[in-house]
Amino acid sequence: MAAAEAAKLGRPLILSDIPVHRELFRNYALLVDPDVAHFPWEQFQAYLSDFKLKPRWEFFEATEPEVVARNYKHFFEKVSVG
């Protein structure tokens, strides 16, 4: 399952700490340094225990199918005129 799909379903995420994940999931996922060999178990347990208190993923509304479709439609209307 893609990370965005999991976030929309309200699932906890454990992701590599890379720029795109920091941008999209900074306040939602547990970001783990991909260059570190050990897994941060204590941080993981704290993340899971606090996960129920997290607000909905910040891009939940922007990724709703109707919103995405409307944005694509507007984009193509703009680029096709002229």
PDB file of N, CA and C in Angstrom:
ATOM      1  N   MET A   1       0.853  -1.178   0.000  1.00  0.00           N
ATOM      2  CA  MET A   1       0.000   0.000   0.000  1.00  0.00           C
ATOM      3  C   MET A   1       0.899   1.242   0.000  1.00  0.00           C
ATOM      4  N   ALA A   2       0.583   2.177  -0.835  1.00  0.00           N
ATOM      5  CA  ALA A   2       1.346   3.418  -0.880  1.00  0.00           C
ATOM      6  C   ALA A   2       1.193   4.186   0.434  1.00  0.00           C
ATOM      7  N   ALA A   3       2.215   4.938   0.790  1.00  0.00           N
ATOM      8  CA  ALA A   3       2.187   5.684   2.043  1.00  0.00           C
ATOM      9  C   ALA A   3       0.998   6.646   2.104  1.00  0.00           C
ATOM     10  N   ALA A   4       0.698   7.318   1.008  1.00  0.00           N
ATOM     11  CA  ALA A   4      -0.433   8.253   1.006  1.00  0.00           C
ATOM     12  C   ALA A   4      -1.755   7.524   1.228  1.00  0.00           C
ATOM     13  N   GLU A   5      -1.909   6.360   0.627  1.00  0.00           N
ATOM     14  CA  GLU A   5      -3.134   5.583   0.838  1.00  0.00           C
ATOM     15  C   GLU A   5      -3.260   5.159   2.295  1.00  0.00           C
ATOM     16  N   ALA A   6      -2.157   4.706   2.876  1.00  0.00           N
ATOM     17  CA  ALA A   6      -2.172   4.302   4.278  1.00  0.00           C
ATOM     18  C   ALA A   6      -2.500   5.489   5.181  1.00  0.00           C
ATOM     19  N   ALA A   7      -1.923   6.646   4.887  1.00  0.00           N
ATOM     20  CA  ALA A   7      -2.208   7.838   5.683  1.00  0.00           C
ATOM     21  C   ALA A   7      -3.677   8.232   5.569  1.00  0.00           C
ATOM     22  N   LYS A   8      -4.235   8.138   4.378  1.00  0.00           N
ATOM     23  CA  LYS A   8      -5.657   8.468   4.202  1.00  0.00           C
ATOM     24  C   LYS A   8      -6.553   7.525   4.984  1.00  0.00           C
ATOM     25  N   LEU A   9      -6.091   6.288   5.172  1.00  0.00           N
ATOM     26  CA  LEU A   9      -6.866   5.310   5.945  1.00  0.00           C
ATOM     27  C   LEU A   9      -6.591   5.415   7.440  1.00  0.00           C
ATOM     28  N   GLY A  10      -5.747   6.365   7.824  1.00  0.00           N
ATOM     29  CA  GLY A  10      -5.459   6.570   9.242  1.00  0.00           C
ATOM     30  C   GLY A  10      -4.539   5.537   9.847  1.00  0.00           C
ATOM     31  N   ARG A  11      -3.670   4.943   9.042  1.00  0.00           N
ATOM     32  CA  ARG A  11      -2.748   3.913   9.517  1.00  0.00           C
ATOM     33  C   ARG A  11      -1.415   4.539   9.921  1.00  0.00           C
ATOM     34  N   PRO A  12      -0.768   3.967  10.916  1.00  0.00           N
ATOM     35  CA  PRO A  12       0.573   4.453  11.277  1.00  0.00           C
ATOM     36  C   PRO A  12       1.555   4.169  10.145  1.00  0.00           C
ATOM     37  N   LEU A  13       2.538   5.029   9.996  1.00  0.00           N
ATOM     38  CA  LEU A  13       3.536   4.882   8.945  1.00  0.00           C
ATOM     39  C   LEU A  13       4.938   4.882   9.526  1.00  0.00           C
ATOM     40  N   ILE A  14       5.756   3.966   9.064  1.00  0.00           N
ATOM     41  CA  ILE A  14       7.188   3.961   9.353  1.00  0.00           C
ATOM     42  C   ILE A  14       7.862   4.126   8.001  1.00  0.00           C
ATOM     43  N   LEU A  15       8.539   5.252   7.815  1.00  0.00           N
ATOM     44  CA  LEU A  15       9.110   5.585   6.514  1.00  0.00           C
ATOM     45  C   LEU A  15      10.567   5.997   6.651  1.00  0.00           C
ATOM     46  N   SER A  16      11.312   5.830   5.580  1.00  0.00           N
ATOM     47  CA  SER A  16      12.689   6.320   5.540  1.00  0.00           C
ATOM     48  C   SER A  16      12.672   7.838   5.657  1.00  0.00           C
ATOM     49  N   ASP A  17      13.618   8.356   6.396  1.00  0.00           N
ATOM     50  CA  ASP A  17      13.723   9.797   6.576  1.00  0.00           C
ATOM     51  C   ASP A  17      14.444  10.390   5.368  1.00  0.00           C
ATOM     52  N   ILE A  18      13.665  10.592   4.313  1.00  0.00           N
ATOM     53  CA  ILE A  18      14.168  11.179   3.078  1.00  0.00           C
ATOM     54  C   ILE A  18      13.356  12.447   2.806  1.00  0.00           C
ATOM     55  N   PRO A  19      13.865  13.345   1.966  1.00  0.00           N
ATOM     56  CA  PRO A  19      13.178  14.628   1.771  1.00  0.00           C
ATOM     57  C   PRO A  19      11.688  14.522   1.421  1.00  0.00           C
ATOM     58  N   VAL A  20      11.307  13.651   0.511  1.00  0.00           N
ATOM     59  CA  VAL A  20       9.896  13.590   0.114  1.00  0.00           C
ATOM     60  C   VAL A  20       9.016  13.119   1.273  1.00  0.00           C
ATOM     61  N   HIS A  21       9.490  12.192   2.072  1.00  0.00           N
ATOM     62  CA  HIS A  21       8.708  11.742   3.229  1.00  0.00           C
ATOM     63  C   HIS A  21       8.624  12.829   4.289  1.00  0.00           C
ATOM     64  N   ARG A  22       9.717  13.564   4.491  1.00  0.00           N
ATOM     65  CA  ARG A  22       9.673  14.683   5.454  1.00  0.00           C
ATOM     66  C   ARG A  22       8.664  15.729   5.011  1.00  0.00           C
ATOM     67  N   GLU A  23       8.610  15.993   3.716  1.00  0.00           N
ATOM     68  CA  GLU A  23       7.696  17.007   3.202  1.00  0.00           C
ATOM     69  C   GLU A  23       6.233  16.579   3.345  1.00  0.00           C
ATOM     70  N   LEU A  24       5.941  15.335   3.008  1.00  0.00           N
ATOM     71  CA  LEU A  24       4.551  14.880   2.985  1.00  0.00           C
ATOM     72  C   LEU A  24       4.035  14.328   4.309  1.00  0.00           C
ATOM     73  N   PHE A  25       4.923  13.780   5.141  1.00  0.00           N
ATOM     74  CA  PHE A  25       4.465  13.059   6.332  1.00  0.00           C
ATOM     75  C   PHE A  25       5.170  13.499   7.616  1.00  0.00           C
ATOM     76  N   ARG A  26       5.737  14.701   7.647  1.00  0.00           N
ATOM     77  CA  ARG A  26       6.568  15.131   8.778  1.00  0.00           C
ATOM     78  C   ARG A  26       5.862  15.067  10.126  1.00  0.00           C
ATOM     79  N   ASN A  27       4.618  15.363  10.192  1.00  0.00           N
ATOM     80  CA  ASN A  27       3.896  15.351  11.467  1.00  0.00           C
ATOM     81  C   ASN A  27       3.008  14.122  11.624  1.00  0.00           C
ATOM     82  N   TYR A  28       3.174  13.169  10.736  1.00  0.00           N
ATOM     83  CA  TYR A  28       2.280  12.014  10.748  1.00  0.00           C
ATOM     84  C   TYR A  28       3.020  10.689  10.924  1.00  0.00           C
ATOM     85  N   ALA A  29       4.141  10.519  10.249  1.00  0.00           N
ATOM     86  CA  ALA A  29       4.845   9.236  10.225  1.00  0.00           C
ATOM     87  C   ALA A  29       6.030   9.217  11.194  1.00  0.00           C
ATOM     88  N   LEU A  30       6.461   8.002  11.518  1.00  0.00           N
ATOM     89  CA  LEU A  30       7.737   7.820  12.183  1.00  0.00           C
ATOM     90  C   LEU A  30       8.779   7.738  11.075  1.00  0.00           C
ATOM     91  N   LEU A  31       9.676   8.708  11.052  1.00  0.00           N
ATOM     92  CA  LEU A  31      10.703   8.750  10.020  1.00  0.00           C
ATOM     93  C   LEU A  31      11.992   8.168  10.585  1.00  0.00           C
ATOM     94  N   VAL A  32      12.528   7.174   9.881  1.00  0.00           N
ATOM     95  CA  VAL A  32      13.703   6.446  10.346  1.00  0.00           C
ATOM     96  C   VAL A  32      14.862   6.700   9.390  1.00  0.00           C
ATOM     97  N   ASP A  33      16.008   7.011   9.940  1.00  0.00           N
ATOM     98  CA  ASP A  33      17.203   7.270   9.137  1.00  0.00           C
ATOM     99  C   ASP A  33      17.590   6.008   8.374  1.00  0.00           C
ATOM    100  N   PRO A  34      17.599   6.045   7.052  1.00  0.00           N
ATOM    101  CA  PRO A  34      17.913   4.837   6.278  1.00  0.00           C
ATOM    102  C   PRO A  34      19.376   4.430   6.363  1.00  0.00           C
ATOM    103  N   ASP A  35      20.231   5.305   6.894  1.00  0.00           N
ATOM    104  CA  ASP A  35      21.654   5.001   6.996  1.00  0.00           C
ATOM    105  C   ASP A  35      22.052   4.425   8.354  1.00  0.00           C
ATOM    106  N   VAL A  36      21.082   4.241   9.230  1.00  0.00           N
ATOM    107  CA  VAL A  36      21.367   3.698  10.561  1.00  0.00           C
ATOM    108  C   VAL A  36      20.903   2.252  10.601  1.00  0.00           C
ATOM    109  N   ALA A  37      21.778   1.376  11.060  1.00  0.00           N
ATOM    110  CA  ALA A  37      21.491  -0.062  11.025  1.00  0.00           C
ATOM    111  C   ALA A  37      20.511  -0.508  12.115  1.00  0.00           C
ATOM    112  N   HIS A  38      20.441   0.199  13.225  1.00  0.00           N
ATOM    113  CA  HIS A  38      19.542  -0.238  14.304  1.00  0.00           C
ATOM    114  C   HIS A  38      18.184   0.445  14.195  1.00  0.00           C
ATOM    115  N   PHE A  39      17.153  -0.263  14.606  1.00  0.00           N
ATOM    116  CA  PHE A  39      15.799   0.276  14.566  1.00  0.00           C
ATOM    117  C   PHE A  39      15.513   0.965  15.897  1.00  0.00           C
ATOM    118  N   PRO A  40      14.928   2.155  15.889  1.00  0.00           N
ATOM    119  CA  PRO A  40      14.654   2.899  17.137  1.00  0.00           C
ATOM    120  C   PRO A  40      13.391   2.383  17.851  1.00  0.00           C
ATOM    121  N   TRP A  41      13.506   1.251  18.525  1.00  0.00           N
ATOM    122  CA  TRP A  41      12.347   0.602  19.139  1.00  0.00           C
ATOM    123  C   TRP A  41      11.614   1.484  20.132  1.00  0.00           C
ATOM    124  N   GLU A  42      12.339   2.212  20.961  1.00  0.00           N
ATOM    125  CA  GLU A  42      11.672   3.075  21.953  1.00  0.00           C
ATOM    126  C   GLU A  42      10.891   4.185  21.257  1.00  0.00           C
ATOM    127  N   GLN A  43      11.479   4.772  20.248  1.00  0.00           N
ATOM    128  CA  GLN A  43      10.794   5.817  19.472  1.00  0.00           C
ATOM    129  C   GLN A  43       9.568   5.236  18.769  1.00  0.00           C
ATOM    130  N   PHE A  44       9.699   4.030  18.248  1.00  0.00           N
ATOM    131  CA  PHE A  44       8.592   3.340  17.583  1.00  0.00           C
ATOM    132  C   PHE A  44       7.444   3.086  18.557  1.00  0.00           C
ATOM    133  N   GLN A  45       7.756   2.595  19.742  1.00  0.00           N
ATOM    134  CA  GLN A  45       6.714   2.332  20.742  1.00  0.00           C
ATOM    135  C   GLN A  45       6.011   3.611  21.169  1.00  0.00           C
ATOM    136  N   ALA A  46       6.783   4.690  21.344  1.00  0.00           N
ATOM    137  CA  ALA A  46       6.186   5.978  21.702  1.00  0.00           C
ATOM    138  C   ALA A  46       5.294   6.482  20.574  1.00  0.00           C
ATOM    139  N   TYR A  47       5.760   6.340  19.337  1.00  0.00           N
ATOM    140  CA  TYR A  47       4.964   6.763  18.174  1.00  0.00           C
ATOM    141  C   TYR A  47       3.638   6.017  18.139  1.00  0.00           C
ATOM    142  N   LEU A  48       3.682   4.705  18.303  1.00  0.00           N
ATOM    143  CA  LEU A  48       2.446   3.918  18.264  1.00  0.00           C
ATOM    144  C   LEU A  48       1.512   4.264  19.414  1.00  0.00           C
ATOM    145  N   SER A  49       2.047   4.474  20.593  1.00  0.00           N
ATOM    146  CA  SER A  49       1.172   4.777  21.727  1.00  0.00           C
ATOM    147  C   SER A  49       0.526   6.153  21.595  1.00  0.00           C
ATOM    148  N   ASP A  50       1.186   7.086  20.917  1.00  0.00           N
ATOM    149  CA  ASP A  50       0.627   8.430  20.718  1.00  0.00           C
ATOM    150  C   ASP A  50      -0.127   8.585  19.405  1.00  0.00           C
ATOM    151  N   PHE A  51      -0.107   7.558  18.577  1.00  0.00           N
ATOM    152  CA  PHE A  51      -0.670   7.696  17.232  1.00  0.00           C
ATOM    153  C   PHE A  51      -2.155   8.049  17.251  1.00  0.00           C
ATOM    154  N   LYS A  52      -2.912   7.485  18.173  1.00  0.00           N
ATOM    155  CA  LYS A  52      -4.358   7.752  18.230  1.00  0.00           C
ATOM    156  C   LYS A  52      -4.649   9.235  18.465  1.00  0.00           C
ATOM    157  N   LEU A  53      -3.696   9.950  19.037  1.00  0.00           N
ATOM    158  CA  LEU A  53      -3.880  11.370  19.337  1.00  0.00           C
ATOM    159  C   LEU A  53      -3.523  12.277  18.169  1.00  0.00           C
ATOM    160  N   LYS A  54      -2.904  11.716  17.137  1.00  0.00           N
ATOM    161  CA  LYS A  54      -2.491  12.532  15.993  1.00  0.00           C
ATOM    162  C   LYS A  54      -3.718  13.010  15.215  1.00  0.00           C
ATOM    163  N   PRO A  55      -3.642  14.231  14.712  1.00  0.00           N
ATOM    164  CA  PRO A  55      -4.727  14.687  13.826  1.00  0.00           C
ATOM    165  C   PRO A  55      -4.655  13.947  12.489  1.00  0.00           C
ATOM    166  N   ARG A  56      -5.700  14.077  11.733  1.00  0.00           N
ATOM    167  CA  ARG A  56      -5.738  13.467  10.402  1.00  0.00           C
ATOM    168  C   ARG A  56      -4.573  13.984   9.572  1.00  0.00           C
ATOM    169  N   TRP A  57      -4.093  13.151   8.637  1.00  0.00           N
ATOM    170  CA  TRP A  57      -2.978  13.523   7.765  1.00  0.00           C
ATOM    171  C   TRP A  57      -3.274  14.863   7.120  1.00  0.00           C
ATOM    172  N   GLU A  58      -2.307  15.765   7.117  1.00  0.00           N
ATOM    173  CA  GLU A  58      -2.539  17.140   6.655  1.00  0.00           C
ATOM    174  C   GLU A  58      -2.956  17.248   5.191  1.00  0.00           C
ATOM    175  N   PHE A  59      -2.638  16.244   4.366  1.00  0.00           N
ATOM    176  CA  PHE A  59      -3.014  16.285   2.957  1.00  0.00           C
ATOM    177  C   PHE A  59      -4.229  15.415   2.656  1.00  0.00           C
ATOM    178  N   PHE A  60      -4.980  15.052   3.694  1.00  0.00           N
ATOM    179  CA  PHE A  60      -6.153  14.196   3.516  1.00  0.00           C
ATOM    180  C   PHE A  60      -7.141  14.814   2.523  1.00  0.00           C
ATOM    181  N   GLU A  61      -7.523  16.039   2.754  1.00  0.00           N
ATOM    182  CA  GLU A  61      -8.510  16.698   1.886  1.00  0.00           C
ATOM    183  C   GLU A  61      -7.974  16.895   0.473  1.00  0.00           C
ATOM    184  N   ALA A  62      -6.718  17.324   0.355  1.00  0.00           N
ATOM    185  CA  ALA A  62      -6.129  17.613  -0.954  1.00  0.00           C
ATOM    186  C   ALA A  62      -6.006  16.375  -1.830  1.00  0.00           C
ATOM    187  N   THR A  63      -6.032  15.193  -1.210  1.00  0.00           N
ATOM    188  CA  THR A  63      -5.883  13.960  -1.978  1.00  0.00           C
ATOM    189  C   THR A  63      -7.196  13.202  -2.150  1.00  0.00           C
ATOM    190  N   GLU A  64      -8.282  13.830  -1.813  1.00  0.00           N
ATOM    191  CA  GLU A  64      -9.588  13.218  -2.068  1.00  0.00           C
ATOM    192  C   GLU A  64      -9.783  13.125  -3.587  1.00  0.00           C
ATOM    193  N   PRO A  65     -10.319  12.028  -4.090  1.00  0.00           N
ATOM    194  CA  PRO A  65     -10.450  11.851  -5.546  1.00  0.00           C
ATOM    195  C   PRO A  65     -11.160  13.008  -6.247  1.00  0.00           C
ATOM    196  N   GLU A  66     -12.199  13.550  -5.632  1.00  0.00           N
ATOM    197  CA  GLU A  66     -12.936  14.644  -6.262  1.00  0.00           C
ATOM    198  C   GLU A  66     -12.066  15.896  -6.384  1.00  0.00           C
ATOM    199  N   VAL A  67     -11.271  16.155  -5.357  1.00  0.00           N
ATOM    200  CA  VAL A  67     -10.400  17.335  -5.363  1.00  0.00           C
ATOM    201  C   VAL A  67      -9.309  17.169  -6.412  1.00  0.00           C
ATOM    202  N   VAL A  68      -8.704  15.996  -6.461  1.00  0.00           N
ATOM    203  CA  VAL A  68      -7.652  15.729  -7.445  1.00  0.00           C
ATOM    204  C   VAL A  68      -8.216  15.842  -8.856  1.00  0.00           C
ATOM    205  N   ALA A  69      -9.380  15.258  -9.089  1.00  0.00           N
ATOM    206  CA  ALA A  69      -9.998  15.318 -10.417  1.00  0.00           C
ATOM    207  C   ALA A  69     -10.287  16.762 -10.818  1.00  0.00           C
ATOM    208  N   ARG A  70     -10.813  17.540  -9.886  1.00  0.00           N
ATOM    209  CA  ARG A  70     -11.119  18.946 -10.177  1.00  0.00           C
ATOM    210  C   ARG A  70      -9.839  19.724 -10.501  1.00  0.00           C
ATOM    211  N   ASN A  71      -8.763  19.465  -9.739  1.00  0.00           N
ATOM    212  CA  ASN A  71      -7.494  20.153  -9.994  1.00  0.00           C
ATOM    213  C   ASN A  71      -6.912  19.772 -11.352  1.00  0.00           C
ATOM    214  N   TYR A  72      -6.989  18.488 -11.723  1.00  0.00           N
ATOM    215  CA  TYR A  72      -6.530  18.068 -13.051  1.00  0.00           C
ATOM    216  C   TYR A  72      -7.354  18.746 -14.135  1.00  0.00           C
ATOM    217  N   LYS A  73      -8.649  18.787 -13.950  1.00  0.00           N
ATOM    218  CA  LYS A  73      -9.541  19.408 -14.935  1.00  0.00           C
ATOM    219  C   LYS A  73      -9.170  20.874 -15.123  1.00  0.00           C
ATOM    220  N   HIS A  74      -8.973  21.589 -14.009  1.00  0.00           N
ATOM    221  CA  HIS A  74      -8.607  23.005 -14.108  1.00  0.00           C
ATOM    222  C   HIS A  74      -7.247  23.190 -14.776  1.00  0.00           C
ATOM    223  N   PHE A  75      -6.306  22.318 -14.450  1.00  0.00           N
ATOM    224  CA  PHE A  75      -4.992  22.399 -15.062  1.00  0.00           C
ATOM    225  C   PHE A  75      -5.096  22.224 -16.576  1.00  0.00           C
ATOM    226  N   PHE A  76      -5.800  21.184 -17.010  1.00  0.00           N
ATOM    227  CA  PHE A  76      -5.894  20.930 -18.445  1.00  0.00           C
ATOM    228  C   PHE A  76      -6.709  22.001 -19.166  1.00  0.00           C
ATOM    229  N   GLU A  77      -7.672  22.599 -18.491  1.00  0.00           N
ATOM    230  CA  GLU A  77      -8.403  23.716 -19.094  1.00  0.00           C
ATOM    231  C   GLU A  77      -7.467  24.907 -19.310  1.00  0.00           C
ATOM    232  N   LYS A  78      -6.586  25.162 -18.355  1.00  0.00           N
ATOM    233  CA  LYS A  78      -5.654  26.280 -18.461  1.00  0.00           C
ATOM    234  C   LYS A  78      -4.637  26.054 -19.580  1.00  0.00           C
ATOM    235  N   VAL A  79      -4.084  24.863 -19.674  1.00  0.00           N
ATOM    236  CA  VAL A  79      -3.036  24.623 -20.679  1.00  0.00           C
ATOM    237  C   VAL A  79      -3.606  24.403 -22.073  1.00  0.00           C
ATOM    238  N   SER A  80      -4.879  24.049 -22.184  1.00  0.00           N
ATOM    239  CA  SER A  80      -5.451  23.818 -23.511  1.00  0.00           C
ATOM    240  C   SER A  80      -5.999  25.094 -24.138  1.00  0.00           C
ATOM    241  N   VAL A  81      -6.193  26.128 -23.340  1.00  0.00           N
ATOM    242  CA  VAL A  81      -6.685  27.398 -23.864  1.00  0.00           C
ATOM    243  C   VAL A  81      -5.492  28.169 -24.422  1.00  0.00           C
ATOM    244  N   GLY A  82      -5.633  28.629 -25.620  1.00  0.00           N
ATOM    245  CA  GLY A  82      -4.560  29.461 -26.142  1.00  0.00           C
ATOM    246  C   GLY A  82      -4.128  29.046 -27.432  1.00  0.00           C
TER     247      GLY A  82
END
